[in-house]
N, C-alpha and C. Protein backbone atom coordinates (compact mmCIF):
# COMPACT_ATOMS: atom_id res chain seq x y z
N MET A 1 1.15 -0.91 -0.16
CA MET A 1 -0.15 -0.04 -0.26
C MET A 1 0.76 1.41 0.02
N GLY A 2 0.32 1.91 -0.93
CA GLY A 2 1.24 3.52 -1.65
C GLY A 2 1.34 4.63 -0.39
N THR A 3 1.81 5.03 -0.23
CA THR A 3 1.70 6.91 1.13
C THR A 3 0.34 7.00 0.89
N THR A 4 0.18 7.40 -0.44
CA THR A 4 -1.63 8.51 -0.38
C THR A 4 -2.43 7.50 -0.11
N GLU A 5 -2.31 6.22 0.31
CA GLU A 5 -3.38 5.16 0.02
C GLU A 5 -3.46 4.84 2.18
N LYS A 6 -2.62 4.41 2.01
CA LYS A 6 -2.26 4.51 3.95
C LYS A 6 -2.96 6.09 4.31
N LEU A 7 -2.74 7.01 4.02
CA LEU A 7 -3.08 7.97 4.87
C LEU A 7 -4.84 8.34 4.06
N ALA A 8 -5.26 7.99 3.11
CA ALA A 8 -6.56 8.04 2.79
C ALA A 8 -7.42 7.04 4.09
N THR A 9 -6.49 6.09 3.90
CA THR A 9 -7.71 4.63 4.80
C THR A 9 -7.64 5.19 6.32
N GLU A 10 -6.68 5.91 7.11
CA GLU A 10 -6.34 6.17 8.05
C GLU A 10 -7.32 7.16 8.12
N LEU A 11 -7.44 7.96 7.50
CA LEU A 11 -8.34 9.75 7.23
C LEU A 11 -9.55 9.29 7.33
N ALA A 12 -9.95 7.90 6.62
CA ALA A 12 -11.52 7.56 6.51
C ALA A 12 -11.99 6.65 7.80
N ASP A 13 -10.29 6.42 8.29
CA ASP A 13 -11.01 5.67 9.96
C ASP A 13 -11.37 6.38 10.69
N ASP A 14 -10.70 7.97 11.17
CA ASP A 14 -10.65 8.62 12.08
C ASP A 14 -12.32 9.82 11.53
N CYS A 15 -12.67 9.62 9.63
CA CYS A 15 -14.04 9.65 9.96
C CYS A 15 -14.80 9.85 10.03
N MET A 16 -14.85 8.29 10.09
CA MET A 16 -15.77 7.49 10.39
C MET A 16 -16.15 7.66 11.81
N LYS A 17 -15.48 7.13 12.59
CA LYS A 17 -15.32 7.83 13.90
C LYS A 17 -16.11 9.11 13.99
N ALA A 18 -15.66 10.56 14.27
CA ALA A 18 -16.46 11.60 13.86
C ALA A 18 -17.32 11.44 13.05
N MET A 19 -18.01 11.10 12.35
CA MET A 19 -19.18 10.75 11.76
C MET A 19 -19.70 10.36 12.29
N GLU A 20 -19.91 9.20 13.73
CA GLU A 20 -20.53 8.47 14.33
C GLU A 20 -20.87 9.38 15.82
N LEU A 21 -19.71 10.27 15.98
CA LEU A 21 -19.74 11.23 17.39
C LEU A 21 -20.65 12.33 17.36
N THR A 22 -20.22 12.67 16.03
CA THR A 22 -21.15 14.13 16.37
C THR A 22 -22.41 14.18 15.57
N GLY A 23 -22.46 12.76 14.14
CA GLY A 23 -23.94 12.50 13.95
C GLY A 23 -23.72 13.32 12.64
N ASN A 24 -22.95 13.75 11.67
CA ASN A 24 -22.67 14.48 10.77
C ASN A 24 -22.63 13.53 9.74
N ASP A 25 -23.55 12.88 9.26
CA ASP A 25 -22.83 12.50 8.40
C ASP A 25 -22.57 12.42 6.68
N ARG A 26 -22.12 13.73 6.63
CA ARG A 26 -21.81 14.39 5.43
C ARG A 26 -20.31 15.22 5.56
N LEU A 27 -19.93 14.95 6.81
CA LEU A 27 -18.42 15.62 7.17
C LEU A 27 -17.99 14.86 6.66
N TYR A 28 -17.42 13.62 5.99
CA TYR A 28 -16.69 13.43 4.83
C TYR A 28 -16.40 14.32 3.77
N VAL A 29 -17.43 14.98 3.26
CA VAL A 29 -17.62 15.82 2.11
C VAL A 29 -16.33 17.28 2.57
N GLU A 30 -16.64 18.08 3.90
CA GLU A 30 -16.20 18.68 4.04
C GLU A 30 -14.41 18.56 4.23
N VAL A 31 -14.27 16.98 4.41
CA VAL A 31 -12.93 17.14 4.95
C VAL A 31 -12.17 16.65 3.50
N GLY A 32 -12.93 16.07 2.48
CA GLY A 32 -12.40 15.96 0.83
C GLY A 32 -12.69 17.71 0.42
N LYS A 33 -12.95 18.78 1.58
CA LYS A 33 -12.55 20.41 0.29
C LYS A 33 -11.59 20.22 1.14
N VAL A 34 -10.90 19.84 2.41
CA VAL A 34 -10.01 20.69 3.08
C VAL A 34 -8.86 19.62 2.96
N LEU A 35 -8.62 18.28 2.32
CA LEU A 35 -7.77 18.14 1.49
C LEU A 35 -7.48 18.66 -0.52
N GLY A 36 -8.94 18.82 -1.16
CA GLY A 36 -9.18 19.26 -2.24
C GLY A 36 -7.93 20.24 -1.86
N ALA A 37 -7.88 21.29 -1.03
CA ALA A 37 -7.06 22.27 -0.92
C ALA A 37 -5.40 22.13 -1.08
N SER A 38 -5.41 21.40 -0.78
CA SER A 38 -3.81 21.10 -1.09
C SER A 38 -3.51 19.69 -1.65
N SER A 39 -4.03 18.78 -1.88
CA SER A 39 -3.62 17.89 -2.22
C SER A 39 -4.57 16.60 -3.10
N GLN A 40 -5.29 16.89 -4.09
CA GLN A 40 -6.61 16.50 -5.54
C GLN A 40 -6.22 15.06 -5.38
N THR A 41 -5.06 14.01 -4.73
CA THR A 41 -5.04 13.32 -5.21
C THR A 41 -5.35 12.50 -3.82
N LEU A 42 -4.53 13.21 -2.29
CA LEU A 42 -5.07 12.52 -1.32
C LEU A 42 -6.88 12.92 -1.57
N GLU A 43 -7.24 13.91 -1.69
CA GLU A 43 -8.86 14.16 -2.02
C GLU A 43 -9.17 12.96 -2.18
N GLU A 44 -8.76 13.18 -3.78
CA GLU A 44 -9.27 11.79 -4.28
C GLU A 44 -9.37 9.81 -3.60
N ALA A 45 -7.81 9.81 -2.95
CA ALA A 45 -8.44 8.27 -2.82
C ALA A 45 -8.89 8.49 -1.08
N PHE A 46 -9.34 9.78 -0.56
CA PHE A 46 -9.78 9.03 0.89
C PHE A 46 -11.58 9.92 0.23
N LEU A 47 -11.76 10.37 -1.08
CA LEU A 47 -13.06 10.32 -1.16
C LEU A 47 -13.67 8.86 -1.78
N THR A 48 -12.74 7.80 -2.44
CA THR A 48 -12.84 7.37 -2.93
C THR A 48 -13.10 6.12 -1.58
N GLU A 49 -12.83 5.86 -0.01
CA GLU A 49 -12.27 5.28 0.13
C GLU A 49 -13.82 5.35 1.51
N MET A 50 -14.37 6.65 1.28
CA MET A 50 -15.44 7.09 2.31
C MET A 50 -16.41 6.45 1.37
N ARG A 51 -16.41 6.25 -0.33
CA ARG A 51 -17.69 6.18 -0.94
C ARG A 51 -17.46 4.23 -0.45
N VAL A 52 -16.75 3.88 -0.40
CA VAL A 52 -16.65 2.13 -1.27
C VAL A 52 -17.65 2.21 0.61
N ARG A 53 -17.10 2.43 1.88
CA ARG A 53 -17.44 2.52 2.41
C ARG A 53 -18.60 2.61 3.63
N LEU A 54 -19.24 3.31 2.83
CA LEU A 54 -20.23 4.02 3.05
C LEU A 54 -21.90 3.17 1.74
N ALA A 55 -21.00 3.12 0.76
CA ALA A 55 -21.68 1.36 -0.24
C ALA A 55 -21.78 0.25 0.83
N ALA A 56 -20.56 0.09 1.58
CA ALA A 56 -21.10 -1.34 2.10
C ALA A 56 -22.15 -1.61 2.85
N ILE A 57 -21.78 -0.32 4.09
CA ILE A 57 -22.88 -0.19 5.30
C ILE A 57 -24.14 0.51 5.00
N GLY A 58 -24.21 0.84 3.49
CA GLY A 58 -25.84 0.82 2.92
C GLY A 58 -26.02 -0.90 1.96
N ALA A 59 -25.37 -0.91 1.98
CA ALA A 59 -25.42 -2.78 1.53
C ALA A 59 -25.51 -4.10 2.48
N GLN A 60 -25.05 -3.01 3.66
CA GLN A 60 -25.97 -4.50 4.97
C GLN A 60 -26.74 -3.80 5.18
N LYS A 61 -26.77 -3.03 5.44
CA LYS A 61 -28.14 -2.72 5.82
C LYS A 61 -29.27 -3.07 5.08
N PHE A 62 -29.09 -3.26 4.19
CA PHE A 62 -30.09 -3.52 2.87
C PHE A 62 -30.57 -5.13 3.28
N LEU A 63 -29.54 -5.78 3.13
CA LEU A 63 -29.08 -7.35 3.06
C LEU A 63 -29.82 -7.16 4.78
N ARG A 64 -29.69 -6.76 5.87
CA ARG A 64 -30.28 -7.26 7.20
C ARG A 64 -31.30 -6.95 6.81
N ALA A 65 -32.12 -6.05 6.00
CA ALA A 65 -33.62 -5.77 6.13
C ALA A 65 -34.23 -6.79 5.50
N GLN A 66 -33.25 -6.87 4.18
CA GLN A 66 -34.37 -8.20 3.11
C GLN A 66 -34.18 -9.72 4.57
N LEU A 67 -32.96 -9.91 4.99
CA LEU A 67 -33.60 -10.75 5.90
C LEU A 67 -34.16 -10.81 7.19
N ALA A 68 -35.21 -9.70 7.79
CA ALA A 68 -35.37 -9.84 8.51
C ALA A 68 -37.00 -9.39 7.96
N ALA A 69 -37.27 -9.02 7.18
CA ALA A 69 -38.43 -9.52 6.00
C ALA A 69 -39.01 -10.98 5.91
N ALA A 70 -37.74 -11.46 5.09
CA ALA A 70 -37.85 -13.02 4.67
C ALA A 70 -38.12 -13.70 6.14
N ALA A 71 -38.02 -13.52 7.54
CA ALA A 71 -37.87 -13.97 8.70
C ALA A 71 -39.61 -14.14 9.15
N GLN A 72 -40.23 -13.03 8.76
CA GLN A 72 -41.45 -12.44 8.64
C GLN A 72 -42.65 -13.56 7.87
N PRO A 73 -43.41 -14.07 8.88
CA PRO A 73 -44.27 -14.93 8.15
C PRO A 73 -45.15 -13.87 7.11
N GLY A 74 -45.36 -14.76 6.18
CA GLY A 74 -46.01 -13.95 4.87
C GLY A 74 -47.51 -14.32 5.29
N PRO A 75 -48.14 -13.30 3.95
CA PRO A 75 -50.06 -13.38 4.68
C PRO A 75 -50.07 -15.19 4.54
N ALA A 76 -51.33 -15.46 5.21
CA ALA A 76 -51.95 -16.68 5.22
C ALA A 76 -52.73 -17.33 3.48
N THR A 77 -52.12 -18.17 3.52
CA THR A 77 -52.48 -18.53 1.89
C THR A 77 -53.93 -19.47 2.34
N ARG A 78 -55.02 -19.40 1.57
CA ARG A 78 -55.70 -20.96 1.35
C ARG A 78 -55.30 -21.92 0.34
N ALA A 79 -55.50 -23.10 1.02
CA ALA A 79 -55.50 -24.55 -0.09
C ALA A 79 -57.08 -24.71 -0.09
N ASP A 80 -56.87 -24.40 -1.15
CA ASP A 80 -58.57 -24.89 -2.26
C ASP A 80 -58.17 -26.40 -2.32
């Protein structure tokens, strides 16, 4: 892993924690802007890392909801 990817991963770890603590689910956008002012390369790597993490979280929530729905009994059907 190169320096850019390592730093992006560390920043994403910290940002995810800060987002959870502050309740600001768009904090990563603000961090990205700060990064972009000095390093577009690190900004892009960081934003990619955040998008991947957020997409994975969204997919996990979707799967949990699907599993919960599948565990619920469906409407009663009559056998004729």
